[in-house]
Amino acid sequence: MKIILALAALVITFAMPVHAGLDEGTAAYARGDYAAALKELRPLAEQGDARAQFTLGLMYEKGQGVAKDEPEAAKWYRKAADSGYARAQINLAAMYGQGRGVARDVTEGVKWIRKAAEQGDAEAQGMLGGMYLNGVGVAKDEVEAVKWIRKAADQGNAGAQDLLAGVYAKGRGVARDDVEAVKWLRKAADQGDANAQFNPCLSGLLPK
């Protein structure tokens, strides 16, 4: 028992500096002290910490504390994405979709969006739904689109709620239902979603 406790204490002792460095690095990034962020996060990223890798990718993508370098950003996003970090998967997908730092490959972009969506990331779920709705990188499938859009809307994603209102208003992938359309439109509008508040296609559904 004493041996187990000693080993546990040893693990905690080694883990604490890593967490401290990560917290310090992300705090420095948040306040715009990119030199301090880089100092703390680069060693952690090189050791395989996904959150540090993601933040380092952001810094290279935006040129924060380092020269802007989109291929380098994509490299760090991929490392974090391969570890299952959803935000990195989304950003890597965007780079593939736009051909920034990597050759443009919409199919590859969809692959990474799907990975994030399957982990439950609401933004990715809404994006994947939109791709199915419009046939971007996947075969158009409005029923599949609604499935993913609803997952995001149920998590409170305002953009997905607005999109779900639209599919109900137009009967895309679901039976047309103005009551459901208004319900989701209100949810999005209540969160301040400008498109939901001023969408000319749906505004007629709401009582004056």
Protein backbone atom coordinates (compact mmCIF):
# COMPACT_ATOMS: atom_id res chain seq x y z
CA MET A 1 0.00 0.00 0.00
CA LYS A 2 2.86 2.37 0.90
CA ILE A 3 4.51 1.63 -2.45
CA ILE A 4 1.31 2.47 -4.33
CA LEU A 5 0.93 5.76 -2.42
CA ALA A 6 4.56 6.63 -3.09
CA LEU A 7 4.14 6.00 -6.82
CA ALA A 8 0.96 8.07 -6.89
CA ALA A 9 2.74 10.95 -5.15
CA LEU A 10 5.58 10.69 -7.68
CA VAL A 11 3.15 10.87 -10.60
CA ILE A 12 1.45 13.93 -9.11
CA THR A 13 4.81 15.59 -8.49
CA PHE A 14 5.79 15.23 -12.14
CA ALA A 15 2.35 16.15 -13.47
CA MET A 16 1.97 19.40 -11.51
CA PRO A 17 4.64 21.40 -13.39
CA VAL A 18 3.10 20.35 -16.71
CA HIS A 19 -0.35 21.58 -15.69
CA ALA A 20 1.13 24.74 -14.21
CA GLY A 21 3.00 25.48 -17.44
CA LEU A 22 -0.10 24.84 -19.51
CA ASP A 23 -2.23 27.09 -17.33
CA GLU A 24 0.39 29.83 -17.37
CA GLY A 25 0.82 29.53 -21.13
CA THR A 26 -2.88 29.65 -21.94
CA ALA A 27 -3.39 32.54 -19.51
CA ALA A 28 -0.55 34.43 -21.19
CA TYR A 29 -2.09 33.76 -24.59
CA ALA A 30 -5.50 34.99 -23.41
CA ARG A 31 -4.05 38.31 -22.21
CA GLY A 32 -2.03 38.75 -25.41
CA ASP A 33 1.42 38.09 -23.94
CA TYR A 34 2.47 35.87 -26.81
CA ALA A 35 6.18 35.76 -25.90
CA ALA A 36 5.35 34.29 -22.49
CA ALA A 37 2.78 31.96 -24.04
CA LEU A 38 5.30 30.68 -26.56
CA LYS A 39 7.90 30.10 -23.84
CA GLU A 40 5.49 27.98 -21.79
CA LEU A 41 3.58 26.20 -24.53
CA ARG A 42 6.19 25.20 -27.10
CA PRO A 43 7.97 22.69 -24.81
CA LEU A 44 4.60 21.20 -23.82
CA ALA A 45 3.51 21.00 -27.47
CA GLU A 46 6.75 19.24 -28.36
CA GLN A 47 6.05 16.78 -25.53
CA GLY A 48 2.66 15.97 -27.06
CA ASP A 49 0.19 18.10 -25.07
CA ALA A 50 -2.80 18.55 -27.40
CA ARG A 51 -4.04 21.82 -25.92
CA ALA A 52 -0.57 23.36 -26.18
CA GLN A 53 -0.27 22.08 -29.76
CA PHE A 54 -3.62 23.63 -30.64
CA THR A 55 -2.68 27.00 -29.16
CA LEU A 56 0.69 26.93 -30.91
CA GLY A 57 -1.20 26.25 -34.14
CA LEU A 58 -3.35 29.33 -33.49
CA MET A 59 -0.27 31.45 -32.95
CA TYR A 60 1.27 30.35 -36.24
CA GLU A 61 -2.01 30.76 -38.10
CA LYS A 62 -2.51 34.32 -36.83
CA GLY A 63 1.12 35.39 -36.56
CA GLN A 64 0.93 35.93 -32.79
CA GLY A 65 4.41 36.05 -31.27
CA VAL A 66 5.78 34.20 -34.30
CA ALA A 67 5.92 34.89 -38.04
CA LYS A 68 2.64 33.86 -39.65
CA ASP A 69 3.17 30.39 -41.11
CA GLU A 70 0.07 28.46 -42.20
CA PRO A 71 1.88 25.17 -43.03
CA GLU A 72 3.38 25.25 -39.52
CA ALA A 73 -0.06 26.01 -38.09
CA ALA A 74 -1.52 23.04 -39.96
CA LYS A 75 1.29 20.84 -38.63
CA TRP A 76 0.47 21.65 -35.01
CA TYR A 77 -3.28 21.44 -35.58
CA ARG A 78 -2.79 17.97 -37.04
CA LYS A 79 -0.78 16.81 -34.03
CA ALA A 80 -3.55 17.97 -31.69
CA ALA A 81 -6.26 16.65 -34.01
CA ASP A 82 -4.62 13.23 -34.11
CA SER A 83 -4.88 13.20 -30.31
CA GLY A 84 -8.62 13.81 -30.59
CA TYR A 85 -8.67 17.54 -29.71
CA ALA A 86 -11.94 18.70 -31.27
CA ARG A 87 -11.06 22.40 -31.70
CA ALA A 88 -7.91 21.44 -33.59
CA GLN A 89 -9.92 19.08 -35.78
CA ILE A 90 -12.28 21.93 -36.69
CA ASN A 91 -9.44 24.35 -37.47
CA LEU A 92 -7.59 21.74 -39.51
CA ALA A 93 -10.81 21.08 -41.45
CA ALA A 94 -11.10 24.79 -42.21
CA MET A 95 -7.56 24.86 -43.54
CA TYR A 96 -8.29 21.93 -45.83
CA GLY A 97 -11.54 23.52 -46.96
CA GLN A 98 -9.81 26.79 -47.84
CA GLY A 99 -6.48 25.38 -48.98
CA ARG A 100 -4.47 27.30 -46.39
CA GLY A 101 -1.22 25.68 -45.33
CA VAL A 102 -2.29 22.45 -47.02
CA ALA A 103 -3.58 21.51 -50.46
CA ARG A 104 -7.31 22.19 -50.67
CA ASP A 105 -9.19 18.96 -50.00
CA VAL A 106 -12.84 19.30 -49.02
CA THR A 107 -13.18 15.56 -48.43
CA GLU A 108 -10.32 15.65 -45.95
CA GLY A 109 -11.95 18.64 -44.31
CA VAL A 110 -15.20 16.75 -43.89
CA LYS A 111 -13.30 13.86 -42.32
CA TRP A 112 -11.96 16.09 -39.55
CA ILE A 113 -15.27 17.86 -39.02
CA ARG A 114 -16.94 14.46 -38.64
CA LYS A 115 -14.39 13.40 -36.02
CA ALA A 116 -15.15 16.50 -33.95
CA ALA A 117 -18.90 16.11 -34.47
CA GLU A 118 -18.81 12.50 -33.33
CA GLN A 119 -17.13 13.66 -30.12
CA GLY A 120 -20.14 15.87 -29.45
CA ASP A 121 -18.74 19.26 -30.47
CA ALA A 122 -21.81 21.39 -31.26
CA GLU A 123 -20.08 23.68 -33.74
CA ALA A 124 -18.78 20.71 -35.71
CA GLN A 125 -22.18 19.03 -35.64
CA GLY A 126 -23.81 22.15 -37.09
CA MET A 127 -21.11 22.43 -39.75
CA LEU A 128 -21.48 18.77 -40.72
CA GLY A 129 -25.23 19.23 -40.93
CA GLY A 130 -24.76 22.20 -43.23
CA MET A 131 -22.44 20.16 -45.44
CA TYR A 132 -25.05 17.43 -45.81
CA LEU A 133 -27.75 20.00 -46.40
CA ASN A 134 -25.87 21.58 -49.30
CA GLY A 135 -23.86 18.60 -50.55
CA VAL A 136 -20.45 20.08 -49.70
CA GLY A 137 -17.80 17.35 -49.54
CA VAL A 138 -20.52 14.72 -49.07
CA ALA A 139 -23.52 13.51 -51.05
CA LYS A 140 -26.47 15.78 -50.34
CA ASP A 141 -28.69 14.16 -47.73
CA GLU A 142 -31.24 16.41 -46.03
CA VAL A 143 -32.36 13.75 -43.54
CA GLU A 144 -28.76 13.23 -42.39
CA ALA A 145 -28.34 16.99 -42.32
CA VAL A 146 -31.25 17.44 -39.94
CA LYS A 147 -29.87 14.73 -37.66
CA TRP A 148 -26.61 16.61 -37.14
CA ILE A 149 -28.16 20.06 -37.05
CA ARG A 150 -30.57 18.91 -34.35
CA LYS A 151 -27.71 17.52 -32.25
CA ALA A 152 -26.03 20.93 -32.31
CA ALA A 153 -29.30 22.81 -31.74
CA ASP A 154 -30.11 20.66 -28.73
CA GLN A 155 -26.78 21.73 -27.23
CA GLY A 156 -27.77 25.37 -27.59
CA ASN A 157 -25.77 26.28 -30.70
CA ALA A 158 -27.57 29.37 -32.01
CA GLY A 159 -26.43 28.96 -35.62
CA ALA A 160 -27.74 25.39 -35.68
CA GLN A 161 -31.02 26.50 -34.10
CA ASP A 162 -31.42 29.10 -36.84
CA LEU A 163 -30.60 26.47 -39.47
CA LEU A 164 -33.05 24.01 -37.93
CA ALA A 165 -35.77 26.67 -38.05
CA GLY A 166 -35.04 27.06 -41.76
CA VAL A 167 -35.32 23.35 -42.56
CA TYR A 168 -38.65 23.16 -40.71
CA ALA A 169 -39.93 26.27 -42.48
CA LYS A 170 -39.02 24.84 -45.88
CA GLY A 171 -39.64 21.15 -45.18
CA ARG A 172 -36.09 20.04 -45.96
CA GLY A 173 -35.39 16.61 -44.48
CA VAL A 174 -38.43 16.93 -42.23
CA ALA A 175 -42.13 17.57 -42.71
CA ARG A 176 -42.78 21.30 -42.95
CA ASP A 177 -43.78 22.59 -39.53
CA ASP A 178 -44.11 26.32 -38.90
CA VAL A 179 -44.60 25.79 -35.17
CA GLU A 180 -41.27 23.98 -34.87
CA ALA A 181 -39.66 26.59 -37.11
CA VAL A 182 -40.81 29.40 -34.82
CA LYS A 183 -39.68 27.49 -31.71
CA TRP A 184 -36.13 27.11 -32.97
CA LEU A 185 -36.05 30.59 -34.46
CA ARG A 186 -36.97 32.05 -31.08
CA LYS A 187 -34.27 29.99 -29.34
CA ALA A 188 -31.64 31.34 -31.72
CA ALA A 189 -32.97 34.91 -31.55
CA ASP A 190 -33.02 34.81 -27.75
CA GLN A 191 -29.29 34.08 -27.84
CA GLY A 192 -28.71 37.16 -29.96
CA ASP A 193 -28.26 35.38 -33.29
CA ALA A 194 -28.54 38.22 -35.78
CA ASN A 195 -29.57 35.99 -38.68
CA ALA A 196 -32.44 34.59 -36.62
CA GLN A 197 -33.52 38.06 -35.54
CA PHE A 198 -33.53 39.54 -39.03
CA ASN A 199 -33.84 36.58 -41.41
CA PRO A 200 -36.23 37.82 -44.11
CA CYS A 201 -37.14 34.26 -45.11
CA LEU A 202 -38.40 33.42 -41.63
CA SER A 203 -39.47 36.73 -40.16
CA GLY A 204 -43.02 36.26 -41.45
CA LEU A 205 -43.44 33.27 -39.14
CA LEU A 206 -43.16 35.38 -36.02
CA PRO A 207 -46.16 37.40 -34.80
CA LYS A 208 -45.72 41.17 -34.99
